[in-house]
PDB file of N, CA and C in Angstrom:
ATOM      1  N   UNK A   1      82.020  77.992 119.498  1.00  0.00           N
ATOM      2  CA  UNK A   1      80.792  78.565 119.181  1.00  0.00           C
ATOM      3  C   UNK A   1      79.561  77.300 119.318  1.00  0.00           C
ATOM      4  N   UNK A   2      78.422  77.833 119.617  1.00  0.00           N
ATOM      5  CA  UNK A   2      77.390  76.936 120.189  1.00  0.00           C
ATOM      6  C   UNK A   2      76.895  76.552 118.574  1.00  0.00           C
ATOM      7  N   UNK A   3      76.409  75.618 118.310  1.00  0.00           N
ATOM      8  CA  UNK A   3      75.605  75.432 116.936  1.00  0.00           C
ATOM      9  C   UNK A   3      74.212  74.790 117.494  1.00  0.00           C
ATOM     10  N   UNK A   4      73.257  75.389 116.416  1.00  0.00           N
ATOM     11  CA  UNK A   4      71.849  74.472 116.869  1.00  0.00           C
ATOM     12  C   UNK A   4      71.983  73.104 116.385  1.00  0.00           C
ATOM     13  N   UNK A   5      71.055  72.201 116.948  1.00  0.00           N
ATOM     14  CA  UNK A   5      71.097  70.848 117.346  1.00  0.00           C
ATOM     15  C   UNK A   5      69.287  70.746 117.017  1.00  0.00           C
ATOM     16  N   UNK A   6      68.801  69.937 115.823  1.00  0.00           N
ATOM     17  CA  UNK A   6      67.961  69.409 116.153  1.00  0.00           C
ATOM     18  C   UNK A   6      67.456  68.339 116.879  1.00  0.00           C
ATOM     19  N   UNK A   7      66.728  67.805 117.520  1.00  0.00           N
ATOM     20  CA  UNK A   7      66.442  66.859 118.750  1.00  0.00           C
ATOM     21  C   UNK A   7      65.035  66.541 117.983  1.00  0.00           C
ATOM     22  N   UNK A   8      65.375  65.125 118.081  1.00  0.00           N
ATOM     23  CA  UNK A   8      63.714  64.162 117.799  1.00  0.00           C
ATOM     24  C   UNK A   8      63.399  63.171 118.790  1.00  0.00           C
ATOM     25  N   UNK A   9      62.311  63.044 119.415  1.00  0.00           N
ATOM     26  CA  UNK A   9      62.000  62.227 120.479  1.00  0.00           C
ATOM     27  C   UNK A   9      61.037  61.375 119.835  1.00  0.00           C
ATOM     28  N   UNK A  10      61.109  60.111 119.528  1.00  0.00           N
ATOM     29  CA  UNK A  10      60.324  59.424 119.026  1.00  0.00           C
ATOM     30  C   UNK A  10      59.540  58.635 120.353  1.00  0.00           C
ATOM     31  N   UNK A  11      57.862  59.322 120.056  1.00  0.00           N
ATOM     32  CA  UNK A  11      56.980  58.560 120.878  1.00  0.00           C
ATOM     33  C   UNK A  11      56.828  56.685 120.442  1.00  0.00           C
ATOM     34  N   UNK A  12      57.059  55.981 121.294  1.00  0.00           N
ATOM     35  CA  UNK A  12      56.277  54.565 120.591  1.00  0.00           C
ATOM     36  C   UNK A  12      55.028  54.644 119.903  1.00  0.00           C
ATOM     37  N   UNK A  13      54.019  55.389 120.280  1.00  0.00           N
ATOM     38  CA  UNK A  13      52.877  55.759 119.677  1.00  0.00           C
ATOM     39  C   UNK A  13      53.025  56.208 118.463  1.00  0.00           C
ATOM     40  N   UNK A  14      53.855  56.613 117.783  1.00  0.00           N
ATOM     41  CA  UNK A  14      54.271  57.150 116.380  1.00  0.00           C
ATOM     42  C   UNK A  14      53.946  58.381 116.563  1.00  0.00           C
ATOM     43  N   UNK A  15      54.006  59.323 117.240  1.00  0.00           N
ATOM     44  CA  UNK A  15      54.660  60.442 117.183  1.00  0.00           C
ATOM     45  C   UNK A  15      55.412  61.326 117.521  1.00  0.00           C
ATOM     46  N   UNK A  16      55.743  62.487 116.875  1.00  0.00           N
ATOM     47  CA  UNK A  16      56.936  62.826 116.497  1.00  0.00           C
ATOM     48  C   UNK A  16      56.820  64.266 117.271  1.00  0.00           C
ATOM     49  N   UNK A  17      57.616  64.334 117.969  1.00  0.00           N
ATOM     50  CA  UNK A  17      57.724  65.829 118.179  1.00  0.00           C
ATOM     51  C   UNK A  17      59.312  66.605 117.584  1.00  0.00           C
ATOM     52  N   UNK A  18      59.900  67.921 117.373  1.00  0.00           N
ATOM     53  CA  UNK A  18      60.985  68.049 116.622  1.00  0.00           C
ATOM     54  C   UNK A  18      60.917  69.697 117.630  1.00  0.00           C
ATOM     55  N   UNK A  19      62.002  70.104 118.390  1.00  0.00           N
ATOM     56  CA  UNK A  19      62.227  71.030 118.666  1.00  0.00           C
ATOM     57  C   UNK A  19      63.468  71.937 118.267  1.00  0.00           C
ATOM     58  N   UNK A  20      63.691  73.132 118.053  1.00  0.00           N
ATOM     59  CA  UNK A  20      65.092  73.480 118.166  1.00  0.00           C
ATOM     60  C   UNK A  20      65.676  73.743 119.539  1.00  0.00           C
ATOM     61  N   UNK A  21      66.960  73.213 119.554  1.00  0.00           N
ATOM     62  CA  UNK A  21      67.981  73.842 120.997  1.00  0.00           C
ATOM     63  C   UNK A  21      68.773  74.079 120.327  1.00  0.00           C
ATOM     64  N   UNK A  22      70.008  74.594 121.657  1.00  0.00           N
ATOM     65  CA  UNK A  22      70.879  74.826 121.302  1.00  0.00           C
ATOM     66  C   UNK A  22      72.072  73.975 122.102  1.00  0.00           C
ATOM     67  N   UNK A  23      73.179  73.697 121.643  1.00  0.00           N
ATOM     68  CA  UNK A  23      74.096  73.135 122.361  1.00  0.00           C
ATOM     69  C   UNK A  23      74.934  74.355 123.120  1.00  0.00           C
ATOM     70  N   UNK A  24      75.072  73.779 124.515  1.00  0.00           N
ATOM     71  CA  UNK A  24      75.546  74.914 125.274  1.00  0.00           C
ATOM     72  C   UNK A  24      76.858  74.274 126.010  1.00  0.00           C
ATOM     73  N   UNK A  25      77.533  75.142 126.555  1.00  0.00           N
ATOM     74  CA  UNK A  25      79.008  75.086 127.029  1.00  0.00           C
ATOM     75  C   UNK A  25      78.736  73.645 127.607  1.00  0.00           C
ATOM     76  N   UNK A  26      80.001  72.448 127.988  1.00  0.00           N
ATOM     77  CA  UNK A  26      80.260  71.253 128.189  1.00  0.00           C
ATOM     78  C   UNK A  26      79.625  70.438 127.350  1.00  0.00           C
ATOM     79  N   UNK A  27      79.328  70.606 125.783  1.00  0.00           N
ATOM     80  CA  UNK A  27      78.421  70.122 125.474  1.00  0.00           C
ATOM     81  C   UNK A  27      76.846  69.630 126.138  1.00  0.00           C
ATOM     82  N   UNK A  28      75.809  70.535 127.176  1.00  0.00           N
ATOM     83  CA  UNK A  28      75.020  70.395 127.507  1.00  0.00           C
ATOM     84  C   UNK A  28      73.537  70.880 126.926  1.00  0.00           C
ATOM     85  N   UNK A  29      72.742  70.102 126.680  1.00  0.00           N
ATOM     86  CA  UNK A  29      71.273  70.609 125.874  1.00  0.00           C
ATOM     87  C   UNK A  29      70.296  71.062 127.057  1.00  0.00           C
ATOM     88  N   UNK A  30      69.167  71.828 126.913  1.00  0.00           N
ATOM     89  CA  UNK A  30      68.239  71.558 127.226  1.00  0.00           C
ATOM     90  C   UNK A  30      67.168  70.587 126.633  1.00  0.00           C
ATOM     91  N   UNK A  31      65.849  70.426 127.238  1.00  0.00           N
ATOM     92  CA  UNK A  31      64.712  69.614 126.940  1.00  0.00           C
ATOM     93  C   UNK A  31      64.172  70.581 126.845  1.00  0.00           C
ATOM     94  N   UNK A  32      63.064  70.733 125.905  1.00  0.00           N
ATOM     95  CA  UNK A  32      62.284  71.636 126.154  1.00  0.00           C
ATOM     96  C   UNK A  32      60.717  71.178 127.070  1.00  0.00           C
ATOM     97  N   UNK A  33      60.574  71.807 127.876  1.00  0.00           N
ATOM     98  CA  UNK A  33      59.359  71.697 129.069  1.00  0.00           C
ATOM     99  C   UNK A  33      58.263  71.067 128.327  1.00  0.00           C
ATOM    100  N   UNK A  34      57.756  71.286 126.937  1.00  0.00           N
ATOM    101  CA  UNK A  34      56.775  70.249 126.691  1.00  0.00           C
ATOM    102  C   UNK A  34      56.882  69.020 126.646  1.00  0.00           C
ATOM    103  N   UNK A  35      58.333  69.119 126.204  1.00  0.00           N
ATOM    104  CA  UNK A  35      58.565  67.494 126.034  1.00  0.00           C
ATOM    105  C   UNK A  35      58.988  66.444 126.928  1.00  0.00           C
ATOM    106  N   UNK A  36      59.331  67.493 128.015  1.00  0.00           N
ATOM    107  CA  UNK A  36      59.861  66.914 129.380  1.00  0.00           C
ATOM    108  C   UNK A  36      58.618  66.437 130.074  1.00  0.00           C
ATOM    109  N   UNK A  37      57.290  67.074 129.569  1.00  0.00           N
ATOM    110  CA  UNK A  37      56.369  67.225 130.692  1.00  0.00           C
ATOM    111  C   UNK A  37      55.658  65.811 129.644  1.00  0.00           C
ATOM    112  N   UNK A  38      55.444  65.469 128.507  1.00  0.00           N
ATOM    113  CA  UNK A  38      55.039  64.931 127.456  1.00  0.00           C
ATOM    114  C   UNK A  38      55.649  63.291 128.077  1.00  0.00           C
ATOM    115  N   UNK A  39      56.926  63.183 128.480  1.00  0.00           N
ATOM    116  CA  UNK A  39      57.509  62.032 128.571  1.00  0.00           C
ATOM    117  C   UNK A  39      57.519  61.454 130.027  1.00  0.00           C
ATOM    118  N   UNK A  40      56.957  63.066 130.672  1.00  0.00           N
ATOM    119  CA  UNK A  40      57.244  62.792 132.154  1.00  0.00           C
ATOM    120  C   UNK A  40      58.753  62.289 132.685  1.00  0.00           C
ATOM    121  N   UNK A  41      59.679  63.109 132.093  1.00  0.00           N
ATOM    122  CA  UNK A  41      60.933  63.042 132.602  1.00  0.00           C
ATOM    123  C   UNK A  41      61.035  63.915 133.759  1.00  0.00           C
ATOM    124  N   UNK A  42      62.202  63.110 135.013  1.00  0.00           N
ATOM    125  CA  UNK A  42      62.356  63.996 136.054  1.00  0.00           C
ATOM    126  C   UNK A  42      63.977  63.978 135.926  1.00  0.00           C
ATOM    127  N   UNK A  43      64.557  64.826 136.626  1.00  0.00           N
ATOM    128  CA  UNK A  43      65.852  64.862 137.012  1.00  0.00           C
ATOM    129  C   UNK A  43      66.653  63.844 137.362  1.00  0.00           C
ATOM    130  N   UNK A  44      67.810  63.324 136.537  1.00  0.00           N
ATOM    131  CA  UNK A  44      68.082  61.771 136.921  1.00  0.00           C
ATOM    132  C   UNK A  44      67.838  61.145 135.719  1.00  0.00           C
ATOM    133  N   UNK A  45      66.281  61.030 135.128  1.00  0.00           N
ATOM    134  CA  UNK A  45      66.084  60.402 134.488  1.00  0.00           C
ATOM    135  C   UNK A  45      67.377  59.850 133.040  1.00  0.00           C
ATOM    136  N   UNK A  46      67.465  58.673 133.030  1.00  0.00           N
ATOM    137  CA  UNK A  46      68.089  58.358 132.022  1.00  0.00           C
ATOM    138  C   UNK A  46      67.795  58.362 130.699  1.00  0.00           C
ATOM    139  N   UNK A  47      68.589  58.812 129.633  1.00  0.00           N
ATOM    140  CA  UNK A  47      68.137  59.075 127.993  1.00  0.00           C
ATOM    141  C   UNK A  47      69.541  58.041 127.322  1.00  0.00           C
ATOM    142  N   UNK A  48      69.135  57.567 126.429  1.00  0.00           N
ATOM    143  CA  UNK A  48      69.991  56.762 125.762  1.00  0.00           C
ATOM    144  C   UNK A  48      69.557  57.600 123.926  1.00  0.00           C
ATOM    145  N   UNK A  49      70.766  57.962 123.590  1.00  0.00           N
ATOM    146  CA  UNK A  49      71.351  58.856 122.747  1.00  0.00           C
ATOM    147  C   UNK A  49      71.962  57.656 121.430  1.00  0.00           C
ATOM    148  N   UNK A  50      71.314  57.856 120.300  1.00  0.00           N
ATOM    149  CA  UNK A  50      71.538  56.787 119.348  1.00  0.00           C
ATOM    150  C   UNK A  50      71.672  57.802 118.231  1.00  0.00           C
ATOM    151  N   UNK A  51      72.710  57.329 117.366  1.00  0.00           N
ATOM    152  CA  UNK A  51      72.544  58.482 115.754  1.00  0.00           C
ATOM    153  C   UNK A  51      72.039  57.383 114.124  1.00  0.00           C
ATOM    154  N   UNK A  52      70.985  58.058 113.841  1.00  0.00           N
ATOM    155  CA  UNK A  52      70.618  57.184 112.933  1.00  0.00           C
ATOM    156  C   UNK A  52      70.584  57.948 111.600  1.00  0.00           C
ATOM    157  N   UNK A  53      70.686  57.502 110.596  1.00  0.00           N
ATOM    158  CA  UNK A  53      70.703  58.518 109.212  1.00  0.00           C
ATOM    159  C   UNK A  53      70.889  59.717 109.645  1.00  0.00           C
ATOM    160  N   UNK A  54      72.065  60.237 109.929  1.00  0.00           N
ATOM    161  CA  UNK A  54      72.450  61.401 110.317  1.00  0.00           C
ATOM    162  C   UNK A  54      71.510  62.201 111.573  1.00  0.00           C
ATOM    163  N   UNK A  55      71.194  61.693 112.192  1.00  0.00           N
ATOM    164  CA  UNK A  55      69.780  62.445 113.111  1.00  0.00           C
ATOM    165  C   UNK A  55      70.430  61.796 114.628  1.00  0.00           C
ATOM    166  N   UNK A  56      70.034  62.490 115.811  1.00  0.00           N
ATOM    167  CA  UNK A  56      70.621  62.239 116.961  1.00  0.00           C
ATOM    168  C   UNK A  56      69.440  61.795 117.329  1.00  0.00           C
ATOM    169  N   UNK A  57      69.136  60.828 118.636  1.00  0.00           N
ATOM    170  CA  UNK A  57      67.629  60.311 119.077  1.00  0.00           C
ATOM    171  C   UNK A  57      68.253  60.177 120.037  1.00  0.00           C
ATOM    172  N   UNK A  58      67.451  60.621 121.012  1.00  0.00           N
ATOM    173  CA  UNK A  58      67.155  60.364 122.128  1.00  0.00           C
ATOM    174  C   UNK A  58      65.954  60.161 122.788  1.00  0.00           C
ATOM    175  N   UNK A  59      66.372  59.117 123.622  1.00  0.00           N
ATOM    176  CA  UNK A  59      65.034  57.881 124.227  1.00  0.00           C
ATOM    177  C   UNK A  59      65.082  57.441 125.493  1.00  0.00           C
ATOM    178  N   UNK A  60      63.856  57.874 126.115  1.00  0.00           N
ATOM    179  CA  UNK A  60      63.994  57.851 127.557  1.00  0.00           C
ATOM    180  C   UNK A  60      64.002  56.044 127.538  1.00  0.00           C
ATOM    181  N   UNK A  61      65.350  55.947 128.669  1.00  0.00           N
ATOM    182  CA  UNK A  61      65.450  54.524 129.736  1.00  0.00           C
ATOM    183  C   UNK A  61      65.360  54.284 130.751  1.00  0.00           C
ATOM    184  N   UNK A  62      65.144  53.481 130.922  1.00  0.00           N
ATOM    185  CA  UNK A  62      64.997  53.076 132.803  1.00  0.00           C
ATOM    186  C   UNK A  62      65.720  52.019 132.885  1.00  0.00           C
ATOM    187  N   UNK A  63      66.740  51.542 134.375  1.00  0.00           N
ATOM    188  CA  UNK A  63      67.570  50.875 134.540  1.00  0.00           C
ATOM    189  C   UNK A  63      66.666  49.246 135.094  1.00  0.00           C
ATOM    190  N   UNK A  64      67.468  48.270 134.976  1.00  0.00           N
ATOM    191  CA  UNK A  64      67.069  46.864 135.377  1.00  0.00           C
ATOM    192  C   UNK A  64      67.538  46.081 135.944  1.00  0.00           C
ATOM    193  N   UNK A  65      67.809  45.634 137.300  1.00  0.00           N
ATOM    194  CA  UNK A  65      68.399  45.137 138.002  1.00  0.00           C
ATOM    195  C   UNK A  65      69.261  43.744 137.083  1.00  0.00           C
ATOM    196  N   UNK A  66      70.440  43.848 136.504  1.00  0.00           N
ATOM    197  CA  UNK A  66      70.937  42.503 136.333  1.00  0.00           C
ATOM    198  C   UNK A  66      70.120  40.949 136.401  1.00  0.00           C
ATOM    199  N   UNK A  67      69.915  40.787 137.678  1.00  0.00           N
ATOM    200  CA  UNK A  67      69.177  39.967 137.225  1.00  0.00           C
ATOM    201  C   UNK A  67      67.647  39.586 137.437  1.00  0.00           C
ATOM    202  N   UNK A  68      67.311  40.217 136.122  1.00  0.00           N
ATOM    203  CA  UNK A  68      66.130  40.823 135.889  1.00  0.00           C
ATOM    204  C   UNK A  68      66.066  41.160 134.306  1.00  0.00           C
ATOM    205  N   UNK A  69      67.320  41.371 133.963  1.00  0.00           N
ATOM    206  CA  UNK A  69      67.723  41.813 132.449  1.00  0.00           C
ATOM    207  C   UNK A  69      67.228  40.580 131.585  1.00  0.00           C
ATOM    208  N   UNK A  70      67.085  39.376 131.993  1.00  0.00           N
ATOM    209  CA  UNK A  70      66.546  38.442 130.991  1.00  0.00           C
ATOM    210  C   UNK A  70      64.972  38.403 130.886  1.00  0.00           C
ATOM    211  N   UNK A  71      64.273  39.122 131.468  1.00  0.00           N
ATOM    212  CA  UNK A  71      62.656  39.199 131.045  1.00  0.00           C
ATOM    213  C   UNK A  71      62.670  40.052 130.137  1.00  0.00           C
ATOM    214  N   UNK A  72      63.428  41.267 129.778  1.00  0.00           N
ATOM    215  CA  UNK A  72      63.287  42.862 128.768  1.00  0.00           C
ATOM    216  C   UNK A  72      63.973  42.211 127.494  1.00  0.00           C
ATOM    217  N   UNK A  73      64.410  40.945 127.824  1.00  0.00           N
ATOM    218  CA  UNK A  73      65.272  40.618 126.230  1.00  0.00           C
ATOM    219  C   UNK A  73      64.002  40.639 125.052  1.00  0.00           C
ATOM    220  N   UNK A  74      64.183  40.759 123.914  1.00  0.00           N
ATOM    221  CA  UNK A  74      63.541  40.665 123.200  1.00  0.00           C
ATOM    222  C   UNK A  74      62.788  39.555 122.764  1.00  0.00           C
ATOM    223  N   UNK A  75      63.302  38.737 122.880  1.00  0.00           N
ATOM    224  CA  UNK A  75      63.261  36.910 122.974  1.00  0.00           C
ATOM    225  C   UNK A  75      62.116  36.812 124.076  1.00  0.00           C
ATOM    226  N   UNK A  76      62.043  37.367 125.075  1.00  0.00           N
ATOM    227  CA  UNK A  76      61.128  36.991 126.177  1.00  0.00           C
ATOM    228  C   UNK A  76      60.158  37.633 126.120  1.00  0.00           C
ATOM    229  N   UNK A  77      60.587  39.062 125.966  1.00  0.00           N
ATOM    230  CA  UNK A  77      59.131  40.134 125.615  1.00  0.00           C
ATOM    231  C   UNK A  77      58.640  39.327 124.132  1.00  0.00           C
ATOM    232  N   UNK A  78      58.798  38.960 123.314  1.00  0.00           N
ATOM    233  CA  UNK A  78      58.154  38.414 122.163  1.00  0.00           C
ATOM    234  C   UNK A  78      57.468  37.178 122.890  1.00  0.00           C
ATOM    235  N   UNK A  79      57.529  35.962 123.569  1.00  0.00           N
ATOM    236  CA  UNK A  79      56.664  34.958 124.025  1.00  0.00           C
ATOM    237  C   UNK A  79      56.212  35.277 125.303  1.00  0.00           C
ATOM    238  N   UNK A  80      56.297  36.626 125.977  1.00  0.00           N
ATOM    239  CA  UNK A  80      55.362  37.565 126.546  1.00  0.00           C
ATOM    240  C   UNK A  80      53.911  37.687 126.031  1.00  0.00           C
ATOM    241  N   UNK A  81      54.394  38.450 124.574  1.00  0.00           N
ATOM    242  CA  UNK A  81      53.268  38.778 124.054  1.00  0.00           C
ATOM    243  C   UNK A  81      52.506  37.957 123.313  1.00  0.00           C
ATOM    244  N   UNK A  82      53.419  36.884 123.011  1.00  0.00           N
ATOM    245  CA  UNK A  82      52.435  35.465 122.545  1.00  0.00           C
ATOM    246  C   UNK A  82      51.691  34.955 123.552  1.00  0.00           C
ATOM    247  N   UNK A  83      52.158  34.862 124.462  1.00  0.00           N
ATOM    248  CA  UNK A  83      51.469  33.869 125.820  1.00  0.00           C
ATOM    249  C   UNK A  83      50.045  34.864 126.034  1.00  0.00           C
ATOM    250  N   UNK A  84      49.867  36.478 126.283  1.00  0.00           N
ATOM    251  CA  UNK A  84      48.875  37.049 126.276  1.00  0.00           C
ATOM    252  C   UNK A  84      48.390  37.372 125.130  1.00  0.00           C
ATOM    253  N   UNK A  85      48.581  37.042 123.854  1.00  0.00           N
ATOM    254  CA  UNK A  85      47.506  36.656 122.751  1.00  0.00           C
ATOM    255  C   UNK A  85      46.730  35.010 123.054  1.00  0.00           C
ATOM    256  N   UNK A  86      47.831  34.358 123.431  1.00  0.00           N
ATOM    257  CA  UNK A  86      46.703  32.905 123.587  1.00  0.00           C
ATOM    258  C   UNK A  86      46.169  33.356 124.414  1.00  0.00           C
ATOM    259  N   UNK A  87      46.090  34.079 125.673  1.00  0.00           N
ATOM    260  CA  UNK A  87      45.384  34.026 127.006  1.00  0.00           C
ATOM    261  C   UNK A  87      43.838  34.783 126.430  1.00  0.00           C
ATOM    262  N   UNK A  88      44.005  35.769 125.746  1.00  0.00           N
ATOM    263  CA  UNK A  88      42.945  36.925 125.210  1.00  0.00           C
ATOM    264  C   UNK A  88      41.993  36.138 124.356  1.00  0.00           C
ATOM    265  N   UNK A  89      42.548  35.084 123.535  1.00  0.00           N
ATOM    266  CA  UNK A  89      41.744  34.479 122.958  1.00  0.00           C
ATOM    267  C   UNK A  89      41.520  32.993 123.363  1.00  0.00           C
ATOM    268  N   UNK A  90      41.504  32.650 124.276  1.00  0.00           N
ATOM    269  CA  UNK A  90      41.151  31.840 124.998  1.00  0.00           C
ATOM    270  C   UNK A  90      41.653  30.065 124.519  1.00  0.00           C
ATOM    271  N   UNK A  91      43.183  30.556 124.371  1.00  0.00           N
ATOM    272  CA  UNK A  91      43.577  29.211 123.802  1.00  0.00           C
ATOM    273  C   UNK A  91      44.559  28.929 125.250  1.00  0.00           C
ATOM    274  N   UNK A  92      43.912  27.936 126.265  1.00  0.00           N
ATOM    275  CA  UNK A  92      44.794  28.107 127.710  1.00  0.00           C
ATOM    276  C   UNK A  92      43.943  27.036 128.133  1.00  0.00           C
ATOM    277  N   UNK A  93      44.675  26.347 128.801  1.00  0.00           N
ATOM    278  CA  UNK A  93      44.232  24.492 129.545  1.00  0.00           C
ATOM    279  C   UNK A  93      44.419  25.249 130.951  1.00  0.00           C
ATOM    280  N   UNK A  94      43.449  24.009 131.922  1.00  0.00           N
ATOM    281  CA  UNK A  94      43.358  24.149 133.168  1.00  0.00           C
ATOM    282  C   UNK A  94      42.135  24.765 133.757  1.00  0.00           C
ATOM    283  N   UNK A  95      42.004  25.409 134.905  1.00  0.00           N
ATOM    284  CA  UNK A  95      43.570  24.565 135.792  1.00  0.00           C
ATOM    285  C   UNK A  95      42.811  23.086 136.414  1.00  0.00           C
ATOM    286  N   UNK A  96      43.950  22.797 136.649  1.00  0.00           N
ATOM    287  CA  UNK A  96      44.777  21.650 137.006  1.00  0.00           C
ATOM    288  C   UNK A  96      44.590  21.048 138.312  1.00  0.00           C
ATOM    289  N   UNK A  97      43.942  20.326 138.449  1.00  0.00           N
ATOM    290  CA  UNK A  97      43.744  19.545 140.237  1.00  0.00           C
ATOM    291  C   UNK A  97      44.971  18.685 140.067  1.00  0.00           C
ATOM    292  N   UNK A  98      45.600  18.042 139.416  1.00  0.00           N
ATOM    293  CA  UNK A  98      47.145  16.878 139.891  1.00  0.00           C
ATOM    294  C   UNK A  98      47.789  17.222 138.831  1.00  0.00           C
ATOM    295  N   UNK A  99      48.973  16.292 139.221  1.00  0.00           N
ATOM    296  CA  UNK A  99      50.051  16.554 138.385  1.00  0.00           C
ATOM    297  C   UNK A  99      49.647  15.259 136.987  1.00  0.00           C
ATOM    298  N   UNK A 100      48.906  14.181 137.496  1.00  0.00           N
ATOM    299  CA  UNK A 100      48.280  13.662 136.659  1.00  0.00           C
ATOM    300  C   UNK A 100      47.584  13.911 135.561  1.00  0.00           C
ATOM    301  N   UNK A 101      46.633  14.936 135.825  1.00  0.00           N
ATOM    302  CA  UNK A 101      45.921  15.781 134.944  1.00  0.00           C
ATOM    303  C   UNK A 101      46.781  16.738 133.968  1.00  0.00           C
ATOM    304  N   UNK A 102      47.784  17.244 134.898  1.00  0.00           N
ATOM    305  CA  UNK A 102      48.918  18.082 133.678  1.00  0.00           C
ATOM    306  C   UNK A 102      49.358  17.092 132.564  1.00  0.00           C
ATOM    307  N   UNK A 103      49.912  15.402 133.097  1.00  0.00           N
ATOM    308  CA  UNK A 103      50.238  14.997 132.071  1.00  0.00           C
ATOM    309  C   UNK A 103      49.765  14.704 130.877  1.00  0.00           C
ATOM    310  N   UNK A 104      48.650  14.313 131.493  1.00  0.00           N
ATOM    311  CA  UNK A 104      47.367  13.826 130.826  1.00  0.00           C
ATOM    312  C   UNK A 104      47.324  14.609 129.462  1.00  0.00           C
ATOM    313  N   UNK A 105      47.053  16.056 130.258  1.00  0.00           N
ATOM    314  CA  UNK A 105      47.132  17.398 129.108  1.00  0.00           C
ATOM    315  C   UNK A 105      48.031  17.443 127.706  1.00  0.00           C
ATOM    316  N   UNK A 106      49.362  17.437 128.495  1.00  0.00           N
ATOM    317  CA  UNK A 106      50.272  17.344 127.398  1.00  0.00           C
ATOM    318  C   UNK A 106      50.511  16.370 127.011  1.00  0.00           C
ATOM    319  N   UNK A 107      50.338  15.120 127.147  1.00  0.00           N
ATOM    320  CA  UNK A 107      50.193  14.188 126.571  1.00  0.00           C
ATOM    321  C   UNK A 107      49.530  14.010 125.254  1.00  0.00           C
ATOM    322  N   UNK A 108      48.371  14.795 125.252  1.00  0.00           N
ATOM    323  CA  UNK A 108      46.966  14.938 124.122  1.00  0.00           C
ATOM    324  C   UNK A 108      47.831  15.704 123.450  1.00  0.00           C
ATOM    325  N   UNK A 109      48.014  16.980 123.741  1.00  0.00           N
ATOM    326  CA  UNK A 109      48.924  17.831 122.742  1.00  0.00           C
ATOM    327  C   UNK A 109      50.118  17.298 121.863  1.00  0.00           C
ATOM    328  N   UNK A 110      50.488  16.464 122.607  1.00  0.00           N
ATOM    329  CA  UNK A 110      51.755  15.866 121.658  1.00  0.00           C
ATOM    330  C   UNK A 110      50.751  14.734 120.542  1.00  0.00           C
ATOM    331  N   UNK A 111      50.338  14.224 121.279  1.00  0.00           N
ATOM    332  CA  UNK A 111      49.112  13.739 119.799  1.00  0.00           C
ATOM    333  C   UNK A 111      48.568  14.304 118.850  1.00  0.00           C
ATOM    334  N   UNK A 112      48.366  15.704 119.271  1.00  0.00           N
ATOM    335  CA  UNK A 112      47.860  15.912 118.034  1.00  0.00           C
ATOM    336  C   UNK A 112      48.605  16.710 117.169  1.00  0.00           C
ATOM    337  N   UNK A 113      50.276  16.623 117.793  1.00  0.00           N
ATOM    338  CA  UNK A 113      51.281  17.294 116.974  1.00  0.00           C
ATOM    339  C   UNK A 113      51.948  16.204 115.306  1.00  0.00           C
TER     340      UNK A 113
END
C-alpha cells in the first residue's frame, strides 16, 4: 500500500518548498513540476537522498570527473572563497615582470611575519 511522503527540497538560497507526494510501485516518486522548474531539473539528473532528523531530503547533484574532484573538496572551495575575497578587497600583488621581482615580494612578505 502506498503511503504519503513529505519531500523537502532545500534551496541553497534558504528557501524551502514542501509538497505532498505519493510513493508509487517500485518505490518511485514524482517531483512536482513547480519544483522541477524551480531547480531546472531534467530527466537523467542525479539527486542525492539523505535522512536528517527523520526527514527525507533530496538534493540536486552534478557529476565531476575523478581527476577534477579535488577542486570541489570543502578545503579547496574554502581557499577559493578566501582568494576571491582577497581579490575583491585588493589584497593582491603583481603583475611581476621577472622571477626576481616575485622573489623580492615573497621575501618582503616573510619579513612582515
